[in-house]
């Protein structure tokens, strides 16, 4: 992550290894590596959301696919739209394939 020096507009690398610069509503002090002046910066965290249709939540059928698990005997059916999971029925032919 970088922040621009308000004096010389040089980009400064913010080393967040120890949590520096990660907390909102905190003013962090930094010295510019270019002009050597001190300045403060603060952090804003943004969230972005993405939506997908889930017809199964509106009366449609779940679009089930088998999970990839190890060992294979723990395989389940999972809806690719909403994440609903169900165990394989003991008579499910998929169980025989997994053995």
PDB file of N, CA and C in Angstrom:
ATOM      1  N   UNK A   1       0.842  -1.171   0.000  1.00  0.00           N
ATOM      2  CA  UNK A   1       0.000   0.000   0.000  1.00  0.00           C
ATOM      3  C   UNK A   1       0.894   1.243   0.000  1.00  0.00           C
ATOM      4  N   UNK A   2       0.407   2.255  -0.673  1.00  0.00           N
ATOM      5  CA  UNK A   2       1.173   3.496  -0.725  1.00  0.00           C
ATOM      6  C   UNK A   2       0.295   4.669  -0.307  1.00  0.00           C
ATOM      7  N   UNK A   3       0.948   5.725   0.138  1.00  0.00           N
ATOM      8  CA  UNK A   3       0.293   6.987   0.460  1.00  0.00           C
ATOM      9  C   UNK A   3       1.156   8.091  -0.149  1.00  0.00           C
ATOM     10  N   UNK A   4       0.518   9.133  -0.626  1.00  0.00           N
ATOM     11  CA  UNK A   4       1.239  10.234  -1.264  1.00  0.00           C
ATOM     12  C   UNK A   4       1.640  11.277  -0.231  1.00  0.00           C
ATOM     13  N   UNK A   5       2.887  11.706  -0.279  1.00  0.00           N
ATOM     14  CA  UNK A   5       3.352  12.779   0.603  1.00  0.00           C
ATOM     15  C   UNK A   5       2.606  14.056   0.242  1.00  0.00           C
ATOM     16  N   UNK A   6       1.994  14.735   1.216  1.00  0.00           N
ATOM     17  CA  UNK A   6       1.258  15.960   0.909  1.00  0.00           C
ATOM     18  C   UNK A   6       2.164  17.147   0.568  1.00  0.00           C
ATOM     19  N   UNK A   7       3.454  17.029   0.785  1.00  0.00           N
ATOM     20  CA  UNK A   7       4.383  18.108   0.483  1.00  0.00           C
ATOM     21  C   UNK A   7       4.972  17.985  -0.924  1.00  0.00           C
ATOM     22  N   UNK A   8       5.514  16.830  -1.243  1.00  0.00           N
ATOM     23  CA  UNK A   8       6.202  16.690  -2.534  1.00  0.00           C
ATOM     24  C   UNK A   8       5.487  15.723  -3.490  1.00  0.00           C
ATOM     25  N   UNK A   9       4.389  15.131  -3.033  1.00  0.00           N
ATOM     26  CA  UNK A   9       3.554  14.216  -3.820  1.00  0.00           C
ATOM     27  C   UNK A   9       4.273  12.919  -4.208  1.00  0.00           C
ATOM     28  N   UNK A  10       5.323  12.597  -3.517  1.00  0.00           N
ATOM     29  CA  UNK A  10       6.051  11.351  -3.760  1.00  0.00           C
ATOM     30  C   UNK A  10       5.290  10.203  -3.080  1.00  0.00           C
ATOM     31  N   UNK A  11       5.142   9.068  -3.771  1.00  0.00           N
ATOM     32  CA  UNK A  11       4.475   7.906  -3.183  1.00  0.00           C
ATOM     33  C   UNK A  11       5.363   7.274  -2.122  1.00  0.00           C
ATOM     34  N   UNK A  12       4.754   6.983  -0.973  1.00  0.00           N
ATOM     35  CA  UNK A  12       5.460   6.364   0.146  1.00  0.00           C
ATOM     36  C   UNK A  12       4.896   4.965   0.366  1.00  0.00           C
ATOM     37  N   UNK A  13       5.754   4.006   0.529  1.00  0.00           N
ATOM     38  CA  UNK A  13       5.334   2.637   0.838  1.00  0.00           C
ATOM     39  C   UNK A  13       4.971   2.555   2.324  1.00  0.00           C
ATOM     40  N   UNK A  14       3.783   2.045   2.619  1.00  0.00           N
ATOM     41  CA  UNK A  14       3.351   1.850   4.002  1.00  0.00           C
ATOM     42  C   UNK A  14       3.554   0.375   4.334  1.00  0.00           C
ATOM     43  N   UNK A  15       4.514   0.095   5.184  1.00  0.00           N
ATOM     44  CA  UNK A  15       4.798  -1.281   5.591  1.00  0.00           C
ATOM     45  C   UNK A  15       3.793  -1.668   6.677  1.00  0.00           C
ATOM     46  N   UNK A  16       2.898  -2.600   6.357  1.00  0.00           N
ATOM     47  CA  UNK A  16       1.835  -2.993   7.282  1.00  0.00           C
ATOM     48  C   UNK A  16       2.147  -4.285   8.012  1.00  0.00           C
ATOM     49  N   UNK A  17       3.381  -4.741   7.962  1.00  0.00           N
ATOM     50  CA  UNK A  17       3.755  -6.024   8.567  1.00  0.00           C
ATOM     51  C   UNK A  17       3.380  -6.111  10.044  1.00  0.00           C
ATOM     52  N   UNK A  18       3.523  -5.016  10.760  1.00  0.00           N
ATOM     53  CA  UNK A  18       3.216  -5.030  12.193  1.00  0.00           C
ATOM     54  C   UNK A  18       1.862  -4.389  12.496  1.00  0.00           C
ATOM     55  N   UNK A  19       1.029  -4.185  11.466  1.00  0.00           N
ATOM     56  CA  UNK A  19      -0.291  -3.588  11.657  1.00  0.00           C
ATOM     57  C   UNK A  19      -0.298  -2.074  11.495  1.00  0.00           C
ATOM     58  N   UNK A  20       0.860  -1.481  11.234  1.00  0.00           N
ATOM     59  CA  UNK A  20       0.956  -0.033  11.071  1.00  0.00           C
ATOM     60  C   UNK A  20       0.092   0.408   9.887  1.00  0.00           C
ATOM     61  N   UNK A  21      -0.762   1.400  10.123  1.00  0.00           N
ATOM     62  CA  UNK A  21      -1.580   1.966   9.056  1.00  0.00           C
ATOM     63  C   UNK A  21      -2.846   1.199   8.754  1.00  0.00           C
ATOM     64  N   UNK A  22      -3.175   0.197   9.556  1.00  0.00           N
ATOM     65  CA  UNK A  22      -4.338  -0.652   9.255  1.00  0.00           C
ATOM     66  C   UNK A  22      -5.615  -0.247   9.991  1.00  0.00           C
ATOM     67  N   UNK A  23      -5.505   0.462  11.080  1.00  0.00           N
ATOM     68  CA  UNK A  23      -6.675   0.773  11.892  1.00  0.00           C
ATOM     69  C   UNK A  23      -7.328   2.078  11.431  1.00  0.00           C
ATOM     70  N   UNK A  24      -8.661   2.048  11.300  1.00  0.00           N
ATOM     71  CA  UNK A  24      -9.393   3.250  10.917  1.00  0.00           C
ATOM     72  C   UNK A  24      -9.465   4.221  12.093  1.00  0.00           C
ATOM     73  N   UNK A  25      -9.693   5.485  11.772  1.00  0.00           N
ATOM     74  CA  UNK A  25      -9.850   6.566  12.755  1.00  0.00           C
ATOM     75  C   UNK A  25      -8.610   6.779  13.619  1.00  0.00           C
ATOM     76  N   UNK A  26      -7.454   6.432  13.082  1.00  0.00           N
ATOM     77  CA  UNK A  26      -6.180   6.654  13.763  1.00  0.00           C
ATOM     78  C   UNK A  26      -5.306   7.463  12.826  1.00  0.00           C
ATOM     79  N   UNK A  27      -4.649   8.492  13.355  1.00  0.00           N
ATOM     80  CA  UNK A  27      -3.687   9.256  12.565  1.00  0.00           C
ATOM     81  C   UNK A  27      -2.308   8.635  12.759  1.00  0.00           C
ATOM     82  N   UNK A  28      -1.676   8.269  11.647  1.00  0.00           N
ATOM     83  CA  UNK A  28      -0.347   7.677  11.674  1.00  0.00           C
ATOM     84  C   UNK A  28       0.660   8.699  11.195  1.00  0.00           C
ATOM     85  N   UNK A  29       1.801   8.784  11.884  1.00  0.00           N
ATOM     86  CA  UNK A  29       2.863   9.714  11.524  1.00  0.00           C
ATOM     87  C   UNK A  29       3.869   9.006  10.639  1.00  0.00           C
ATOM     88  N   UNK A  30       4.310   9.715   9.604  1.00  0.00           N
ATOM     89  CA  UNK A  30       5.263   9.131   8.663  1.00  0.00           C
ATOM     90  C   UNK A  30       6.211  10.211   8.166  1.00  0.00           C
ATOM     91  N   UNK A  31       7.432   9.828   7.867  1.00  0.00           N
ATOM     92  CA  UNK A  31       8.400  10.749   7.291  1.00  0.00           C
ATOM     93  C   UNK A  31       8.595  10.389   5.828  1.00  0.00           C
ATOM     94  N   UNK A  32       8.529  11.369   4.964  1.00  0.00           N
ATOM     95  CA  UNK A  32       8.711  11.162   3.537  1.00  0.00           C
ATOM     96  C   UNK A  32      10.162  10.781   3.252  1.00  0.00           C
ATOM     97  N   UNK A  33      10.346   9.747   2.460  1.00  0.00           N
ATOM     98  CA  UNK A  33      11.696   9.316   2.114  1.00  0.00           C
ATOM     99  C   UNK A  33      12.311  10.194   1.024  1.00  0.00           C
ATOM    100  N   UNK A  34      11.502  11.081   0.434  1.00  0.00           N
ATOM    101  CA  UNK A  34      11.988  11.956  -0.630  1.00  0.00           C
ATOM    102  C   UNK A  34      12.359  13.339  -0.085  1.00  0.00           C
ATOM    103  N   UNK A  35      11.382  14.028   0.536  1.00  0.00           N
ATOM    104  CA  UNK A  35      11.644  15.394   1.033  1.00  0.00           C
ATOM    105  C   UNK A  35      11.971  15.421   2.526  1.00  0.00           C
ATOM    106  N   UNK A  36      11.826  14.285   3.209  1.00  0.00           N
ATOM    107  CA  UNK A  36      12.131  14.106   4.626  1.00  0.00           C
ATOM    108  C   UNK A  36      11.244  14.904   5.569  1.00  0.00           C
ATOM    109  N   UNK A  37      10.112  15.426   5.087  1.00  0.00           N
ATOM    110  CA  UNK A  37       9.167  16.115   5.960  1.00  0.00           C
ATOM    111  C   UNK A  37       8.225  15.088   6.578  1.00  0.00           C
ATOM    112  N   UNK A  38       7.747  15.416   7.773  1.00  0.00           N
ATOM    113  CA  UNK A  38       6.797  14.553   8.464  1.00  0.00           C
ATOM    114  C   UNK A  38       5.378  14.943   8.082  1.00  0.00           C
ATOM    115  N   UNK A  39       4.511  13.943   8.020  1.00  0.00           N
ATOM    116  CA  UNK A  39       3.085  14.169   7.748  1.00  0.00           C
ATOM    117  C   UNK A  39       2.296  13.068   8.439  1.00  0.00           C
ATOM    118  N   UNK A  40       0.993  13.223   8.473  1.00  0.00           N
ATOM    119  CA  UNK A  40       0.122  12.193   9.040  1.00  0.00           C
ATOM    120  C   UNK A  40      -0.820  11.690   7.957  1.00  0.00           C
ATOM    121  N   UNK A  41      -1.254  10.452   8.105  1.00  0.00           N
ATOM    122  CA  UNK A  41      -2.257   9.880   7.216  1.00  0.00           C
ATOM    123  C   UNK A  41      -3.197   9.020   8.045  1.00  0.00           C
ATOM    124  N   UNK A  42      -4.381   8.769   7.518  1.00  0.00           N
ATOM    125  CA  UNK A  42      -5.310   7.851   8.160  1.00  0.00           C
ATOM    126  C   UNK A  42      -5.836   6.875   7.119  1.00  0.00           C
ATOM    127  N   UNK A  43      -6.517   5.859   7.588  1.00  0.00           N
ATOM    128  CA  UNK A  43      -6.918   4.736   6.748  1.00  0.00           C
ATOM    129  C   UNK A  43      -8.427   4.667   6.623  1.00  0.00           C
ATOM    130  N   UNK A  44      -8.892   4.383   5.414  1.00  0.00           N
ATOM    131  CA  UNK A  44     -10.305   4.111   5.159  1.00  0.00           C
ATOM    132  C   UNK A  44     -10.378   2.725   4.528  1.00  0.00           C
ATOM    133  N   UNK A  45     -11.281   1.914   5.039  1.00  0.00           N
ATOM    134  CA  UNK A  45     -11.472   0.567   4.513  1.00  0.00           C
ATOM    135  C   UNK A  45     -12.794   0.533   3.775  1.00  0.00           C
ATOM    136  N   UNK A  46     -12.771   0.069   2.534  1.00  0.00           N
ATOM    137  CA  UNK A  46     -13.978  -0.006   1.709  1.00  0.00           C
ATOM    138  C   UNK A  46     -14.355  -1.462   1.475  1.00  0.00           C
ATOM    139  N   UNK A  47     -15.648  -1.722   1.403  1.00  0.00           N
ATOM    140  CA  UNK A  47     -16.156  -3.047   1.082  1.00  0.00           C
ATOM    141  C   UNK A  47     -16.865  -2.974  -0.252  1.00  0.00           C
ATOM    142  N   UNK A  48     -16.680  -3.993  -1.061  1.00  0.00           N
ATOM    143  CA  UNK A  48     -17.356  -4.101  -2.342  1.00  0.00           C
ATOM    144  C   UNK A  48     -18.141  -5.403  -2.336  1.00  0.00           C
ATOM    145  N   UNK A  49     -19.349  -5.349  -2.846  1.00  0.00           N
ATOM    146  CA  UNK A  49     -20.215  -6.521  -2.858  1.00  0.00           C
ATOM    147  C   UNK A  49     -20.549  -6.906  -4.288  1.00  0.00           C
ATOM    148  N   UNK A  50     -20.715  -8.198  -4.510  1.00  0.00           N
ATOM    149  CA  UNK A  50     -21.096  -8.720  -5.811  1.00  0.00           C
ATOM    150  C   UNK A  50     -22.269  -9.658  -5.578  1.00  0.00           C
ATOM    151  N   UNK A  51     -23.314  -9.537  -6.380  1.00  0.00           N
ATOM    152  CA  UNK A  51     -24.499 -10.374  -6.200  1.00  0.00           C
ATOM    153  C   UNK A  51     -24.630 -11.370  -7.342  1.00  0.00           C
ATOM    154  N   UNK A  52     -25.257 -12.497  -7.037  1.00  0.00           N
ATOM    155  CA  UNK A  52     -25.543 -13.533  -8.012  1.00  0.00           C
ATOM    156  C   UNK A  52     -26.981 -13.997  -7.823  1.00  0.00           C
ATOM    157  N   UNK A  53     -27.591 -14.424  -8.897  1.00  0.00           N
ATOM    158  CA  UNK A  53     -28.925 -14.983  -8.799  1.00  0.00           C
ATOM    159  C   UNK A  53     -28.862 -16.291  -8.020  1.00  0.00           C
ATOM    160  N   UNK A  54     -29.916 -16.561  -7.252  1.00  0.00           N
ATOM    161  CA  UNK A  54     -30.062 -17.826  -6.538  1.00  0.00           C
ATOM    162  C   UNK A  54     -31.530 -18.232  -6.678  1.00  0.00           C
ATOM    163  N   UNK A  55     -31.864 -18.766  -7.840  1.00  0.00           N
ATOM    164  CA  UNK A  55     -33.253 -19.140  -8.115  1.00  0.00           C
ATOM    165  C   UNK A  55     -33.781 -20.141  -7.093  1.00  0.00           C
ATOM    166  N   UNK A  56     -32.907 -20.954  -6.513  1.00  0.00           N
ATOM    167  CA  UNK A  56     -33.327 -21.940  -5.520  1.00  0.00           C
ATOM    168  C   UNK A  56     -33.903 -21.281  -4.268  1.00  0.00           C
ATOM    169  N   UNK A  57     -33.546 -20.055  -3.993  1.00  0.00           N
ATOM    170  CA  UNK A  57     -34.106 -19.339  -2.842  1.00  0.00           C
ATOM    171  C   UNK A  57     -35.451 -18.707  -3.174  1.00  0.00           C
ATOM    172  N   UNK A  58     -35.852 -18.834  -4.420  1.00  0.00           N
ATOM    173  CA  UNK A  58     -37.120 -18.254  -4.892  1.00  0.00           C
ATOM    174  C   UNK A  58     -38.018 -19.317  -5.513  1.00  0.00           C
ATOM    175  N   UNK A  59     -37.965 -20.519  -4.970  1.00  0.00           N
ATOM    176  CA  UNK A  59     -38.843 -21.579  -5.440  1.00  0.00           C
ATOM    177  C   UNK A  59     -38.257 -22.488  -6.490  1.00  0.00           C
ATOM    178  N   UNK A  60     -37.085 -22.199  -7.004  1.00  0.00           N
ATOM    179  CA  UNK A  60     -36.440 -23.049  -8.010  1.00  0.00           C
ATOM    180  C   UNK A  60     -35.687 -24.202  -7.376  1.00  0.00           C
ATOM    181  N   UNK A  61     -35.115 -25.027  -8.201  1.00  0.00           N
ATOM    182  CA  UNK A  61     -34.348 -26.183  -7.736  1.00  0.00           C
ATOM    183  C   UNK A  61     -32.914 -25.776  -7.399  1.00  0.00           C
ATOM    184  N   UNK A  62     -32.349 -26.451  -6.395  1.00  0.00           N
ATOM    185  CA  UNK A  62     -30.923 -26.279  -6.113  1.00  0.00           C
ATOM    186  C   UNK A  62     -30.138 -26.888  -7.274  1.00  0.00           C
ATOM    187  N   UNK A  63     -29.069 -26.223  -7.670  1.00  0.00           N
ATOM    188  CA  UNK A  63     -28.179 -26.776  -8.694  1.00  0.00           C
ATOM    189  C   UNK A  63     -27.028 -27.460  -7.953  1.00  0.00           C
ATOM    190  N   UNK A  64     -27.214 -28.754  -7.684  1.00  0.00           N
ATOM    191  CA  UNK A  64     -26.282 -29.498  -6.845  1.00  0.00           C
ATOM    192  C   UNK A  64     -25.135 -30.063  -7.653  1.00  0.00           C
ATOM    193  N   UNK A  65     -23.953 -29.987  -7.044  1.00  0.00           N
ATOM    194  CA  UNK A  65     -22.776 -30.635  -7.600  1.00  0.00           C
ATOM    195  C   UNK A  65     -21.995 -31.225  -6.442  1.00  0.00           C
ATOM    196  N   UNK A  66     -21.252 -32.271  -6.724  1.00  0.00           N
ATOM    197  CA  UNK A  66     -20.531 -32.925  -5.636  1.00  0.00           C
ATOM    198  C   UNK A  66     -19.324 -32.087  -5.225  1.00  0.00           C
ATOM    199  N   UNK A  67     -19.036 -32.142  -3.947  1.00  0.00           N
ATOM    200  CA  UNK A  67     -17.892 -31.413  -3.414  1.00  0.00           C
ATOM    201  C   UNK A  67     -16.614 -32.203  -3.704  1.00  0.00           C
ATOM    202  N   UNK A  68     -15.508 -31.522  -3.690  1.00  0.00           N
ATOM    203  CA  UNK A  68     -14.202 -32.172  -3.828  1.00  0.00           C
ATOM    204  C   UNK A  68     -13.616 -32.296  -2.434  1.00  0.00           C
ATOM    205  N   UNK A  69     -13.624 -33.488  -1.903  1.00  0.00           N
ATOM    206  CA  UNK A  69     -13.152 -33.694  -0.538  1.00  0.00           C
ATOM    207  C   UNK A  69     -12.161 -34.840  -0.492  1.00  0.00           C
ATOM    208  N   UNK A  70     -11.407 -34.865   0.589  1.00  0.00           N
ATOM    209  CA  UNK A  70     -10.520 -35.981   0.850  1.00  0.00           C
ATOM    210  C   UNK A  70     -10.635 -36.318   2.317  1.00  0.00           C
ATOM    211  N   UNK A  71     -10.873 -37.549   2.674  1.00  0.00           N
ATOM    212  CA  UNK A  71     -11.133 -38.664   1.779  1.00  0.00           C
ATOM    213  C   UNK A  71     -12.488 -38.531   1.094  1.00  0.00           C
ATOM    214  N   UNK A  72     -12.612 -39.187  -0.047  1.00  0.00           N
ATOM    215  CA  UNK A  72     -13.791 -39.038  -0.896  1.00  0.00           C
ATOM    216  C   UNK A  72     -15.084 -39.450  -0.209  1.00  0.00           C
ATOM    217  N   UNK A  73     -15.027 -40.299   0.825  1.00  0.00           N
ATOM    218  CA  UNK A  73     -16.251 -40.742   1.493  1.00  0.00           C
ATOM    219  C   UNK A  73     -16.988 -39.592   2.182  1.00  0.00           C
ATOM    220  N   UNK A  74     -16.339 -38.430   2.340  1.00  0.00           N
ATOM    221  CA  UNK A  74     -16.978 -37.269   2.956  1.00  0.00           C
ATOM    222  C   UNK A  74     -17.598 -36.330   1.917  1.00  0.00           C
ATOM    223  N   UNK A  75     -17.679 -36.786   0.678  1.00  0.00           N
ATOM    224  CA  UNK A  75     -18.281 -35.986  -0.387  1.00  0.00           C
ATOM    225  C   UNK A  75     -19.733 -35.675  -0.059  1.00  0.00           C
ATOM    226  N   UNK A  76     -20.163 -34.463  -0.374  1.00  0.00           N
ATOM    227  CA  UNK A  76     -21.554 -34.028  -0.182  1.00  0.00           C
ATOM    228  C   UNK A  76     -22.044 -33.412  -1.475  1.00  0.00           C
ATOM    229  N   UNK A  77     -23.327 -33.144  -1.521  1.00  0.00           N
ATOM    230  CA  UNK A  77     -23.909 -32.350  -2.595  1.00  0.00           C
ATOM    231  C   UNK A  77     -23.950 -30.901  -2.122  1.00  0.00           C
ATOM    232  N   UNK A  78     -23.530 -29.960  -2.964  1.00  0.00           N
ATOM    233  CA  UNK A  78     -23.554 -28.533  -2.613  1.00  0.00           C
ATOM    234  C   UNK A  78     -24.181 -27.759  -3.759  1.00  0.00           C
ATOM    235  N   UNK A  79     -25.086 -26.835  -3.403  1.00  0.00           N
ATOM    236  CA  UNK A  79     -25.720 -25.983  -4.410  1.00  0.00           C
ATOM    237  C   UNK A  79     -24.712 -24.939  -4.867  1.00  0.00           C
ATOM    238  N   UNK A  80     -24.541 -24.831  -6.164  1.00  0.00           N
ATOM    239  CA  UNK A  80     -23.565 -23.879  -6.703  1.00  0.00           C
ATOM    240  C   UNK A  80     -24.040 -22.436  -6.600  1.00  0.00           C
ATOM    241  N   UNK A  81     -25.326 -22.234  -6.285  1.00  0.00           N
ATOM    242  CA  UNK A  81     -25.852 -20.866  -6.180  1.00  0.00           C
ATOM    243  C   UNK A  81     -25.896 -20.342  -4.748  1.00  0.00           C
ATOM    244  N   UNK A  82     -26.385 -21.167  -3.797  1.00  0.00           N
ATOM    245  CA  UNK A  82     -26.588 -20.658  -2.439  1.00  0.00           C
ATOM    246  C   UNK A  82     -25.711 -21.310  -1.384  1.00  0.00           C
ATOM    247  N   UNK A  83     -24.989 -22.392  -1.745  1.00  0.00           N
ATOM    248  CA  UNK A  83     -24.107 -23.051  -0.789  1.00  0.00           C
ATOM    249  C   UNK A  83     -24.780 -24.108   0.070  1.00  0.00           C
ATOM    250  N   UNK A  84     -26.093 -24.332  -0.106  1.00  0.00           N
ATOM    251  CA  UNK A  84     -26.801 -25.375   0.630  1.00  0.00           C
ATOM    252  C   UNK A  84     -26.079 -26.700   0.434  1.00  0.00           C
ATOM    253  N   UNK A  85     -25.925 -27.470   1.518  1.00  0.00           N
ATOM    254  CA  UNK A  85     -25.270 -28.767   1.420  1.00  0.00           C
ATOM    255  C   UNK A  85     -26.179 -29.860   1.961  1.00  0.00           C
ATOM    256  N   UNK A  86     -26.062 -31.031   1.373  1.00  0.00           N
ATOM    257  CA  UNK A  86     -26.752 -32.195   1.922  1.00  0.00           C
ATOM    258  C   UNK A  86     -25.849 -33.411   1.755  1.00  0.00           C
ATOM    259  N   UNK A  87     -25.967 -34.308   2.724  1.00  0.00           N
ATOM    260  CA  UNK A  87     -25.203 -35.550   2.675  1.00  0.00           C
ATOM    261  C   UNK A  87     -25.718 -36.430   1.554  1.00  0.00           C
ATOM    262  N   UNK A  88     -24.865 -37.309   1.088  1.00  0.00           N
ATOM    263  CA  UNK A  88     -25.285 -38.282   0.091  1.00  0.00           C
ATOM    264  C   UNK A  88     -26.211 -39.297   0.752  1.00  0.00           C
ATOM    265  N   UNK A  89     -27.276 -39.646   0.085  1.00  0.00           N
ATOM    266  CA  UNK A  89     -28.195 -40.668   0.575  1.00  0.00           C
ATOM    267  C   UNK A  89     -27.481 -42.017   0.492  1.00  0.00           C
ATOM    268  N   UNK A  90     -27.711 -42.932   1.465  1.00  0.00           N
ATOM    269  CA  UNK A  90     -27.014 -44.233   1.421  1.00  0.00           C
ATOM    270  C   UNK A  90     -27.216 -45.004   0.121  1.00  0.00           C
ATOM    271  N   UNK A  91     -28.343 -44.762  -0.576  1.00  0.00           N
ATOM    272  CA  UNK A  91     -28.599 -45.461  -1.835  1.00  0.00           C
ATOM    273  C   UNK A  91     -28.077 -44.693  -3.054  1.00  0.00           C
ATOM    274  N   UNK A  92     -27.452 -43.557  -2.837  1.00  0.00           N
ATOM    275  CA  UNK A  92     -26.982 -42.730  -3.960  1.00  0.00           C
ATOM    276  C   UNK A  92     -25.904 -43.480  -4.739  1.00  0.00           C
ATOM    277  N   UNK A  93     -26.071 -43.637  -6.049  1.00  0.00           N
ATOM    278  CA  UNK A  93     -25.058 -44.341  -6.845  1.00  0.00           C
ATOM    279  C   UNK A  93     -23.673 -43.687  -6.780  1.00  0.00           C
ATOM    280  N   UNK A  94     -23.635 -42.408  -6.463  1.00  0.00           N
ATOM    281  CA  UNK A  94     -22.354 -41.721  -6.354  1.00  0.00           C
ATOM    282  C   UNK A  94     -21.489 -42.333  -5.249  1.00  0.00           C
ATOM    283  N   UNK A  95     -22.130 -42.833  -4.181  1.00  0.00           N
ATOM    284  CA  UNK A  95     -21.378 -43.467  -3.100  1.00  0.00           C
ATOM    285  C   UNK A  95     -20.574 -44.655  -3.603  1.00  0.00           C
ATOM    286  N   UNK A  96     -21.167 -45.449  -4.467  1.00  0.00           N
ATOM    287  CA  UNK A  96     -20.471 -46.619  -5.006  1.00  0.00           C
ATOM    288  C   UNK A  96     -19.291 -46.196  -5.882  1.00  0.00           C
ATOM    289  N   UNK A  97     -19.458 -45.068  -6.610  1.00  0.00           N
ATOM    290  CA  UNK A  97     -18.378 -44.569  -7.448  1.00  0.00           C
ATOM    291  C   UNK A  97     -17.181 -44.110  -6.607  1.00  0.00           C
ATOM    292  N   UNK A  98     -17.478 -43.615  -5.404  1.00  0.00           N
ATOM    293  CA  UNK A  98     -16.423 -43.056  -4.560  1.00  0.00           C
ATOM    294  C   UNK A  98     -15.635 -44.117  -3.811  1.00  0.00           C
ATOM    295  N   UNK A  99     -16.169 -45.315  -3.758  1.00  0.00           N
ATOM    296  CA  UNK A  99     -15.487 -46.385  -2.997  1.00  0.00           C
ATOM    297  C   UNK A  99     -14.285 -46.918  -3.743  1.00  0.00           C
TER     298      UNK A  99
END
